[in-house]
Amino acid sequence: RGLALAERFIERLDERSDAVRAYGETALGVFGSAD
């Protein structure tokens, strides 16, 4: 549940922030969707 919430949070954050976008995209690429 925590991972699914974190992934959705980072996806929304990447839309709004330049500061951590590259780090967020890398993390989402590692974990993928919450399968």
PDB file of all heavy atoms in Angstrom:
ATOM      1  N   ARG A   1       0.839  -1.208   0.000  1.00  0.00           N
ATOM      2  CA  ARG A   1       0.000   0.000   0.000  1.00  0.00           C
ATOM      3  C   ARG A   1       0.872   1.256   0.000  1.00  0.00           C
ATOM      4  O   ARG A   1       0.591   2.218  -0.703  1.00  0.00           O
ATOM      5  CB  ARG A   1      -0.936   0.012   1.213  1.00  0.00           C
ATOM      6  CG  ARG A   1      -2.059  -1.008   1.137  1.00  0.00           C
ATOM      7  CD  ARG A   1      -3.189  -0.631   2.078  1.00  0.00           C
ATOM      8  NE  ARG A   1      -2.735  -0.390   3.441  1.00  0.00           N
ATOM      9  CZ  ARG A   1      -2.614  -1.333   4.375  1.00  0.00           C
ATOM     10  NH1 ARG A   1      -2.906  -2.584   4.076  1.00  0.00           N
ATOM     11  NH2 ARG A   1      -2.206  -1.032   5.595  1.00  0.00           N
ATOM     12  N   GLY A   2       1.934   1.222   0.813  1.00  0.00           N
ATOM     13  CA  GLY A   2       2.834   2.368   0.868  1.00  0.00           C
ATOM     14  C   GLY A   2       3.521   2.609  -0.457  1.00  0.00           C
ATOM     15  O   GLY A   2       3.642   3.758  -0.914  1.00  0.00           O
ATOM     16  N   LEU A   3       3.963   1.535  -1.113  1.00  0.00           N
ATOM     17  CA  LEU A   3       4.645   1.663  -2.395  1.00  0.00           C
ATOM     18  C   LEU A   3       3.693   2.200  -3.462  1.00  0.00           C
ATOM     19  O   LEU A   3       4.055   3.083  -4.252  1.00  0.00           O
ATOM     20  CB  LEU A   3       5.218   0.310  -2.823  1.00  0.00           C
ATOM     21  CG  LEU A   3       5.999   0.282  -4.144  1.00  0.00           C
ATOM     22  CD1 LEU A   3       7.157   1.265  -4.107  1.00  0.00           C
ATOM     23  CD2 LEU A   3       6.503  -1.129  -4.420  1.00  0.00           C
ATOM     24  N   ALA A   4       2.474   1.686  -3.476  1.00  0.00           N
ATOM     25  CA  ALA A   4       1.492   2.161  -4.467  1.00  0.00           C
ATOM     26  C   ALA A   4       1.211   3.645  -4.263  1.00  0.00           C
ATOM     27  O   ALA A   4       1.127   4.411  -5.231  1.00  0.00           O
ATOM     28  CB  ALA A   4       0.207   1.346  -4.349  1.00  0.00           C
ATOM     29  N   LEU A   5       1.066   4.071  -3.012  1.00  0.00           N
ATOM     30  CA  LEU A   5       0.804   5.482  -2.728  1.00  0.00           C
ATOM     31  C   LEU A   5       2.013   6.334  -3.115  1.00  0.00           C
ATOM     32  O   LEU A   5       1.865   7.405  -3.715  1.00  0.00           O
ATOM     33  CB  LEU A   5       0.475   5.665  -1.243  1.00  0.00           C
ATOM     34  CG  LEU A   5       0.197   7.102  -0.779  1.00  0.00           C
ATOM     35  CD1 LEU A   5      -0.943   7.724  -1.579  1.00  0.00           C
ATOM     36  CD2 LEU A   5      -0.122   7.123   0.715  1.00  0.00           C
ATOM     37  N   ALA A   6       3.220   5.848  -2.795  1.00  0.00           N
ATOM     38  CA  ALA A   6       4.434   6.598  -3.137  1.00  0.00           C
ATOM     39  C   ALA A   6       4.574   6.756  -4.641  1.00  0.00           C
ATOM     40  O   ALA A   6       4.933   7.837  -5.132  1.00  0.00           O
ATOM     41  CB  ALA A   6       5.663   5.893  -2.564  1.00  0.00           C
ATOM     42  N   GLU A   7       4.263   5.697  -5.406  1.00  0.00           N
ATOM     43  CA  GLU A   7       4.372   5.788  -6.857  1.00  0.00           C
ATOM     44  C   GLU A   7       3.403   6.809  -7.423  1.00  0.00           C
ATOM     45  O   GLU A   7       3.760   7.632  -8.273  1.00  0.00           O
ATOM     46  CB  GLU A   7       4.129   4.414  -7.484  1.00  0.00           C
ATOM     47  CG  GLU A   7       5.279   3.440  -7.259  1.00  0.00           C
ATOM     48  CD  GLU A   7       5.024   2.087  -7.886  1.00  0.00           C
ATOM     49  OE1 GLU A   7       3.883   1.842  -8.341  1.00  0.00           O
ATOM     50  OE2 GLU A   7       5.953   1.267  -7.930  1.00  0.00           O
ATOM     51  N   ARG A   8       2.165   6.797  -6.943  1.00  0.00           N
ATOM     52  CA  ARG A   8       1.178   7.774  -7.424  1.00  0.00           C
ATOM     53  C   ARG A   8       1.591   9.189  -7.024  1.00  0.00           C
ATOM     54  O   ARG A   8       1.424  10.141  -7.798  1.00  0.00           O
ATOM     55  CB  ARG A   8      -0.200   7.433  -6.845  1.00  0.00           C
ATOM     56  CG  ARG A   8      -0.793   6.143  -7.431  1.00  0.00           C
ATOM     57  CD  ARG A   8      -1.954   5.642  -6.590  1.00  0.00           C
ATOM     58  NE  ARG A   8      -3.034   6.600  -6.532  1.00  0.00           N
ATOM     59  CZ  ARG A   8      -3.889   6.701  -5.493  1.00  0.00           C
ATOM     60  NH1 ARG A   8      -3.745   5.920  -4.437  1.00  0.00           N
ATOM     61  NH2 ARG A   8      -4.854   7.588  -5.522  1.00  0.00           N
ATOM     62  N   PHE A   9       2.147   9.322  -5.833  1.00  0.00           N
ATOM     63  CA  PHE A   9       2.588  10.635  -5.359  1.00  0.00           C
ATOM     64  C   PHE A   9       3.720  11.164  -6.246  1.00  0.00           C
ATOM     65  O   PHE A   9       3.714  12.326  -6.667  1.00  0.00           O
ATOM     66  CB  PHE A   9       3.055  10.518  -3.904  1.00  0.00           C
ATOM     67  CG  PHE A   9       3.433  11.828  -3.269  1.00  0.00           C
ATOM     68  CD1 PHE A   9       2.475  12.612  -2.639  1.00  0.00           C
ATOM     69  CD2 PHE A   9       4.740  12.288  -3.305  1.00  0.00           C
ATOM     70  CE1 PHE A   9       2.819  13.831  -2.064  1.00  0.00           C
ATOM     71  CE2 PHE A   9       5.094  13.499  -2.737  1.00  0.00           C
ATOM     72  CZ  PHE A   9       4.125  14.273  -2.108  1.00  0.00           C
ATOM     73  N   ILE A  10       4.705  10.310  -6.548  1.00  0.00           N
ATOM     74  CA  ILE A  10       5.844  10.733  -7.368  1.00  0.00           C
ATOM     75  C   ILE A  10       5.389  11.071  -8.790  1.00  0.00           C
ATOM     76  O   ILE A  10       5.871  12.033  -9.403  1.00  0.00           O
ATOM     77  CB  ILE A  10       6.935   9.642  -7.399  1.00  0.00           C
ATOM     78  CG1 ILE A  10       7.549   9.467  -6.008  1.00  0.00           C
ATOM     79  CG2 ILE A  10       8.014   9.997  -8.422  1.00  0.00           C
ATOM     80  CD1 ILE A  10       8.330  10.670  -5.516  1.00  0.00           C
ATOM     81  N   GLU A  11       4.459  10.296  -9.330  1.00  0.00           N
ATOM     82  CA  GLU A  11       3.959  10.599 -10.679  1.00  0.00           C
ATOM     83  C   GLU A  11       3.362  11.999 -10.730  1.00  0.00           C
ATOM     84  O   GLU A  11       3.602  12.765 -11.662  1.00  0.00           O
ATOM     85  CB  GLU A  11       2.905   9.561 -11.078  1.00  0.00           C
ATOM     86  CG  GLU A  11       3.498   8.209 -11.451  1.00  0.00           C
ATOM     87  CD  GLU A  11       2.421   7.150 -11.634  1.00  0.00           C
ATOM     88  OE1 GLU A  11       1.228   7.460 -11.386  1.00  0.00           O
ATOM     89  OE2 GLU A  11       2.762   6.013 -12.009  1.00  0.00           O
ATOM     90  N   ARG A  12       2.584  12.362  -9.704  1.00  0.00           N
ATOM     91  CA  ARG A  12       1.984  13.694  -9.660  1.00  0.00           C
ATOM     92  C   ARG A  12       3.043  14.758  -9.414  1.00  0.00           C
ATOM     93  O   ARG A  12       2.992  15.852  -9.976  1.00  0.00           O
ATOM     94  CB  ARG A  12       0.913  13.745  -8.565  1.00  0.00           C
ATOM     95  CG  ARG A  12      -0.293  12.871  -8.840  1.00  0.00           C
ATOM     96  CD  ARG A  12      -1.160  13.438  -9.956  1.00  0.00           C
ATOM     97  NE  ARG A  12      -1.787  14.685  -9.539  1.00  0.00           N
ATOM     98  CZ  ARG A  12      -2.918  14.739  -8.835  1.00  0.00           C
ATOM     99  NH1 ARG A  12      -3.534  13.610  -8.481  1.00  0.00           N
ATOM    100  NH2 ARG A  12      -3.441  15.892  -8.494  1.00  0.00           N
ATOM    101  N   LEU A  13       4.020  14.414  -8.600  1.00  0.00           N
ATOM    102  CA  LEU A  13       5.084  15.367  -8.290  1.00  0.00           C
ATOM    103  C   LEU A  13       5.920  15.664  -9.525  1.00  0.00           C
ATOM    104  O   LEU A  13       6.313  16.816  -9.760  1.00  0.00           O
ATOM    105  CB  LEU A  13       5.973  14.798  -7.181  1.00  0.00           C
ATOM    106  CG  LEU A  13       7.088  15.695  -6.650  1.00  0.00           C
ATOM    107  CD1 LEU A  13       6.506  16.956  -6.033  1.00  0.00           C
ATOM    108  CD2 LEU A  13       7.918  14.939  -5.621  1.00  0.00           C
ATOM    109  N   ASP A  14       6.188  14.651 -10.337  1.00  0.00           N
ATOM    110  CA  ASP A  14       6.997  14.848 -11.538  1.00  0.00           C
ATOM    111  C   ASP A  14       6.348  15.832 -12.500  1.00  0.00           C
ATOM    112  O   ASP A  14       7.023  16.483 -13.293  1.00  0.00           O
ATOM    113  CB  ASP A  14       7.223  13.508 -12.253  1.00  0.00           C
ATOM    114  CG  ASP A  14       8.375  12.727 -11.645  1.00  0.00           C
ATOM    115  OD1 ASP A  14       9.031  13.268 -10.732  1.00  0.00           O
ATOM    116  OD2 ASP A  14       8.614  11.588 -12.071  1.00  0.00           O
ATOM    117  N   GLU A  15       5.014  15.929 -12.442  1.00  0.00           N
ATOM    118  CA  GLU A  15       4.305  16.862 -13.310  1.00  0.00           C
ATOM    119  C   GLU A  15       4.535  18.311 -12.872  1.00  0.00           C
ATOM    120  O   GLU A  15       4.371  19.233 -13.652  1.00  0.00           O
ATOM    121  CB  GLU A  15       2.801  16.567 -13.283  1.00  0.00           C
ATOM    122  CG  GLU A  15       2.413  15.186 -13.808  1.00  0.00           C
ATOM    123  CD  GLU A  15       0.957  14.866 -13.515  1.00  0.00           C
ATOM    124  OE1 GLU A  15       0.256  15.758 -12.968  1.00  0.00           O
ATOM    125  OE2 GLU A  15       0.509  13.756 -13.845  1.00  0.00           O
ATOM    126  N   ARG A  16       4.924  18.505 -11.604  1.00  0.00           N
ATOM    127  CA  ARG A  16       4.944  19.844 -11.024  1.00  0.00           C
ATOM    128  C   ARG A  16       6.330  20.341 -10.638  1.00  0.00           C
ATOM    129  O   ARG A  16       6.496  21.500 -10.302  1.00  0.00           O
ATOM    130  CB  ARG A  16       4.066  19.861  -9.752  1.00  0.00           C
ATOM    131  CG  ARG A  16       2.671  19.311  -9.968  1.00  0.00           C
ATOM    132  CD  ARG A  16       1.872  19.303  -8.674  1.00  0.00           C
ATOM    133  NE  ARG A  16       0.568  18.679  -8.870  1.00  0.00           N
ATOM    134  CZ  ARG A  16      -0.428  18.753  -8.010  1.00  0.00           C
ATOM    135  NH1 ARG A  16      -0.277  19.419  -6.890  1.00  0.00           N
ATOM    136  NH2 ARG A  16      -1.582  18.172  -8.249  1.00  0.00           N
ATOM    137  N   SER A  17       7.322  19.486 -10.613  1.00  0.00           N
ATOM    138  CA  SER A  17       8.620  19.879 -10.062  1.00  0.00           C
ATOM    139  C   SER A  17       9.766  19.533 -10.997  1.00  0.00           C
ATOM    140  O   SER A  17       9.855  18.417 -11.506  1.00  0.00           O
ATOM    141  CB  SER A  17       8.835  19.188  -8.710  1.00  0.00           C
ATOM    142  OG  SER A  17      10.170  19.320  -8.302  1.00  0.00           O
ATOM    143  N   ASP A  18      10.667  20.506 -11.211  1.00  0.00           N
ATOM    144  CA  ASP A  18      11.885  20.247 -11.968  1.00  0.00           C
ATOM    145  C   ASP A  18      12.987  19.684 -11.072  1.00  0.00           C
ATOM    146  O   ASP A  18      13.864  18.965 -11.539  1.00  0.00           O
ATOM    147  CB  ASP A  18      12.390  21.539 -12.615  1.00  0.00           C
ATOM    148  CG  ASP A  18      11.442  22.043 -13.692  1.00  0.00           C
ATOM    149  OD1 ASP A  18      10.764  21.207 -14.306  1.00  0.00           O
ATOM    150  OD2 ASP A  18      11.380  23.266 -13.894  1.00  0.00           O
ATOM    151  N   ALA A  19      12.944  20.041  -9.769  1.00  0.00           N
ATOM    152  CA  ALA A  19      14.063  19.737  -8.869  1.00  0.00           C
ATOM    153  C   ALA A  19      14.333  18.239  -8.757  1.00  0.00           C
ATOM    154  O   ALA A  19      15.487  17.817  -8.702  1.00  0.00           O
ATOM    155  CB  ALA A  19      13.793  20.327  -7.481  1.00  0.00           C
ATOM    156  N   VAL A  20      13.292  17.420  -8.706  1.00  0.00           N
ATOM    157  CA  VAL A  20      13.500  15.984  -8.477  1.00  0.00           C
ATOM    158  C   VAL A  20      12.975  15.131  -9.623  1.00  0.00           C
ATOM    159  O   VAL A  20      12.918  13.910  -9.503  1.00  0.00           O
ATOM    160  CB  VAL A  20      12.838  15.538  -7.150  1.00  0.00           C
ATOM    161  CG1 VAL A  20      13.440  16.277  -5.972  1.00  0.00           C
ATOM    162  CG2 VAL A  20      11.328  15.728  -7.179  1.00  0.00           C
ATOM    163  N   ARG A  21      12.621  15.758 -10.757  1.00  0.00           N
ATOM    164  CA  ARG A  21      11.981  14.997 -11.835  1.00  0.00           C
ATOM    165  C   ARG A  21      12.854  13.832 -12.310  1.00  0.00           C
ATOM    166  O   ARG A  21      12.359  12.710 -12.463  1.00  0.00           O
ATOM    167  CB  ARG A  21      11.640  15.923 -13.006  1.00  0.00           C
ATOM    168  CG  ARG A  21      10.940  15.157 -14.162  1.00  0.00           C
ATOM    169  CD  ARG A  21      10.458  16.098 -15.253  1.00  0.00           C
ATOM    170  NE  ARG A  21       9.356  16.907 -14.767  1.00  0.00           N
ATOM    171  CZ  ARG A  21       9.365  18.238 -14.714  1.00  0.00           C
ATOM    172  NH1 ARG A  21      10.448  18.900 -15.099  1.00  0.00           N
ATOM    173  NH2 ARG A  21       8.321  18.904 -14.265  1.00  0.00           N
ATOM    174  N   ALA A  22      14.124  14.072 -12.555  1.00  0.00           N
ATOM    175  CA  ALA A  22      14.992  13.000 -13.076  1.00  0.00           C
ATOM    176  C   ALA A  22      15.085  11.848 -12.077  1.00  0.00           C
ATOM    177  O   ALA A  22      15.025  10.672 -12.469  1.00  0.00           O
ATOM    178  CB  ALA A  22      16.379  13.550 -13.380  1.00  0.00           C
ATOM    179  N   TYR A  23      15.217  12.182 -10.785  1.00  0.00           N
ATOM    180  CA  TYR A  23      15.270  11.133  -9.766  1.00  0.00           C
ATOM    181  C   TYR A  23      13.937  10.384  -9.686  1.00  0.00           C
ATOM    182  O   TYR A  23      13.907   9.160  -9.525  1.00  0.00           O
ATOM    183  CB  TYR A  23      15.602  11.732  -8.402  1.00  0.00           C
ATOM    184  CG  TYR A  23      16.991  12.315  -8.312  1.00  0.00           C
ATOM    185  CD1 TYR A  23      17.184  13.679  -8.088  1.00  0.00           C
ATOM    186  CD2 TYR A  23      18.121  11.508  -8.432  1.00  0.00           C
ATOM    187  CE1 TYR A  23      18.459  14.224  -7.995  1.00  0.00           C
ATOM    188  CE2 TYR A  23      19.404  12.030  -8.347  1.00  0.00           C
ATOM    189  CZ  TYR A  23      19.570  13.397  -8.127  1.00  0.00           C
ATOM    190  OH  TYR A  23      20.832  13.939  -8.037  1.00  0.00           O
ATOM    191  N   GLY A  24      12.842  11.123  -9.803  1.00  0.00           N
ATOM    192  CA  GLY A  24      11.528  10.489  -9.751  1.00  0.00           C
ATOM    193  C   GLY A  24      11.308   9.558 -10.920  1.00  0.00           C
ATOM    194  O   GLY A  24      10.786   8.436 -10.752  1.00  0.00           O
ATOM    195  N   GLU A  25      11.715   9.973 -12.117  1.00  0.00           N
ATOM    196  CA  GLU A  25      11.527   9.128 -13.288  1.00  0.00           C
ATOM    197  C   GLU A  25      12.389   7.865 -13.204  1.00  0.00           C
ATOM    198  O   GLU A  25      11.957   6.780 -13.612  1.00  0.00           O
ATOM    199  CB  GLU A  25      11.863   9.925 -14.550  1.00  0.00           C
ATOM    200  CG  GLU A  25      10.813  10.996 -14.855  1.00  0.00           C
ATOM    201  CD  GLU A  25      11.172  11.857 -16.053  1.00  0.00           C
ATOM    202  OE1 GLU A  25      12.317  11.720 -16.547  1.00  0.00           O
ATOM    203  OE2 GLU A  25      10.328  12.666 -16.476  1.00  0.00           O
ATOM    204  N   THR A  26      13.597   7.999 -12.661  1.00  0.00           N
ATOM    205  CA  THR A  26      14.446   6.814 -12.482  1.00  0.00           C
ATOM    206  C   THR A  26      13.807   5.831 -11.516  1.00  0.00           C
ATOM    207  O   THR A  26      13.750   4.618 -11.778  1.00  0.00           O
ATOM    208  CB  THR A  26      15.845   7.218 -11.964  1.00  0.00           C
ATOM    209  OG1 THR A  26      16.485   8.040 -12.935  1.00  0.00           O
ATOM    210  CG2 THR A  26      16.703   5.990 -11.692  1.00  0.00           C
ATOM    211  N   ALA A  27      13.298   6.341 -10.397  1.00  0.00           N
ATOM    212  CA  ALA A  27      12.671   5.459  -9.405  1.00  0.00           C
ATOM    213  C   ALA A  27      11.433   4.778  -9.974  1.00  0.00           C
ATOM    214  O   ALA A  27      11.237   3.562  -9.789  1.00  0.00           O
ATOM    215  CB  ALA A  27      12.302   6.270  -8.162  1.00  0.00           C
ATOM    216  N   LEU A  28      10.610   5.523 -10.689  1.00  0.00           N
ATOM    217  CA  LEU A  28       9.414   4.928 -11.280  1.00  0.00           C
ATOM    218  C   LEU A  28       9.790   3.900 -12.331  1.00  0.00           C
ATOM    219  O   LEU A  28       9.094   2.893 -12.503  1.00  0.00           O
ATOM    220  CB  LEU A  28       8.532   6.022 -11.888  1.00  0.00           C
ATOM    221  CG  LEU A  28       7.852   6.956 -10.881  1.00  0.00           C
ATOM    222  CD1 LEU A  28       7.155   8.103 -11.590  1.00  0.00           C
ATOM    223  CD2 LEU A  28       6.866   6.194 -10.006  1.00  0.00           C
ATOM    224  N   GLY A  29      10.909   4.130 -13.043  1.00  0.00           N
ATOM    225  CA  GLY A  29      11.378   3.157 -14.020  1.00  0.00           C
ATOM    226  C   GLY A  29      11.817   1.855 -13.371  1.00  0.00           C
ATOM    227  O   GLY A  29      11.658   0.777 -13.939  1.00  0.00           O
ATOM    228  N   VAL A  30      12.362   1.950 -12.157  1.00  0.00           N
ATOM    229  CA  VAL A  30      12.804   0.749 -11.432  1.00  0.00           C
ATOM    230  C   VAL A  30      11.607  -0.030 -10.916  1.00  0.00           C
ATOM    231  O   VAL A  30      11.531  -1.258 -11.066  1.00  0.00           O
ATOM    232  CB  VAL A  30      13.730   1.137 -10.260  1.00  0.00           C
ATOM    233  CG1 VAL A  30      13.993  -0.069  -9.355  1.00  0.00           C
ATOM    234  CG2 VAL A  30      15.045   1.696 -10.792  1.00  0.00           C
ATOM    235  N   PHE A  31      10.652   0.673 -10.306  1.00  0.00           N
ATOM    236  CA  PHE A  31       9.543  -0.028  -9.668  1.00  0.00           C
ATOM    237  C   PHE A  31       8.385  -0.280 -10.623  1.00  0.00           C
ATOM    238  O   PHE A  31       7.573  -1.172 -10.401  1.00  0.00           O
ATOM    239  CB  PHE A  31       9.032   0.774  -8.463  1.00  0.00           C
ATOM    240  CG  PHE A  31      10.119   1.075  -7.464  1.00  0.00           C
ATOM    241  CD1 PHE A  31      10.270   2.339  -6.938  1.00  0.00           C
ATOM    242  CD2 PHE A  31      11.011   0.097  -7.072  1.00  0.00           C
ATOM    243  CE1 PHE A  31      11.273   2.628  -6.028  1.00  0.00           C
ATOM    244  CE2 PHE A  31      12.028   0.362  -6.171  1.00  0.00           C
ATOM    245  CZ  PHE A  31      12.158   1.633  -5.655  1.00  0.00           C
ATOM    246  N   GLY A  32       8.289   0.509 -11.693  1.00  0.00           N
ATOM    247  CA  GLY A  32       7.200   0.341 -12.639  1.00  0.00           C
ATOM    248  C   GLY A  32       5.868   0.631 -11.992  1.00  0.00           C
ATOM    249  O   GLY A  32       5.767   1.321 -10.984  1.00  0.00           O
ATOM    250  N   SER A  33       4.821   0.104 -12.562  1.00  0.00           N
ATOM    251  CA  SER A  33       3.503   0.259 -11.961  1.00  0.00           C
ATOM    252  C   SER A  33       3.407  -0.663 -10.756  1.00  0.00           C
ATOM    253  O   SER A  33       4.208  -1.581 -10.592  1.00  0.00           O
ATOM    254  CB  SER A  33       2.413  -0.088 -12.977  1.00  0.00           C
ATOM    255  OG  SER A  33       2.583  -1.426 -13.413  1.00  0.00           O
ATOM    256  N   ALA A  34       2.415  -0.415  -9.928  1.00  0.00           N
ATOM    257  CA  ALA A  34       2.285  -1.187  -8.686  1.00  0.00           C
ATOM    258  C   ALA A  34       1.705  -2.568  -8.978  1.00  0.00           C
ATOM    259  O   ALA A  34       0.618  -2.923  -8.523  1.00  0.00           O
ATOM    260  CB  ALA A  34       1.408  -0.426  -7.698  1.00  0.00           C
ATOM    261  N   ASP A  35       2.431  -3.374  -9.766  1.00  0.00           N
ATOM    262  CA  ASP A  35       1.964  -4.724 -10.069  1.00  0.00           C
ATOM    263  C   ASP A  35       2.409  -5.676  -8.967  1.00  0.00           C
ATOM    264  O   ASP A  35       3.033  -5.278  -7.980  1.00  0.00           O
ATOM    265  CB  ASP A  35       2.472  -5.171 -11.440  1.00  0.00           C
ATOM    266  CG  ASP A  35       3.995  -5.157 -11.540  1.00  0.00           C
ATOM    267  OD1 ASP A  35       4.657  -5.396 -10.521  1.00  0.00           O
ATOM    268  OD2 ASP A  35       4.522  -4.902 -12.643  1.00  0.00           O
TER     269      ASP A  35
END
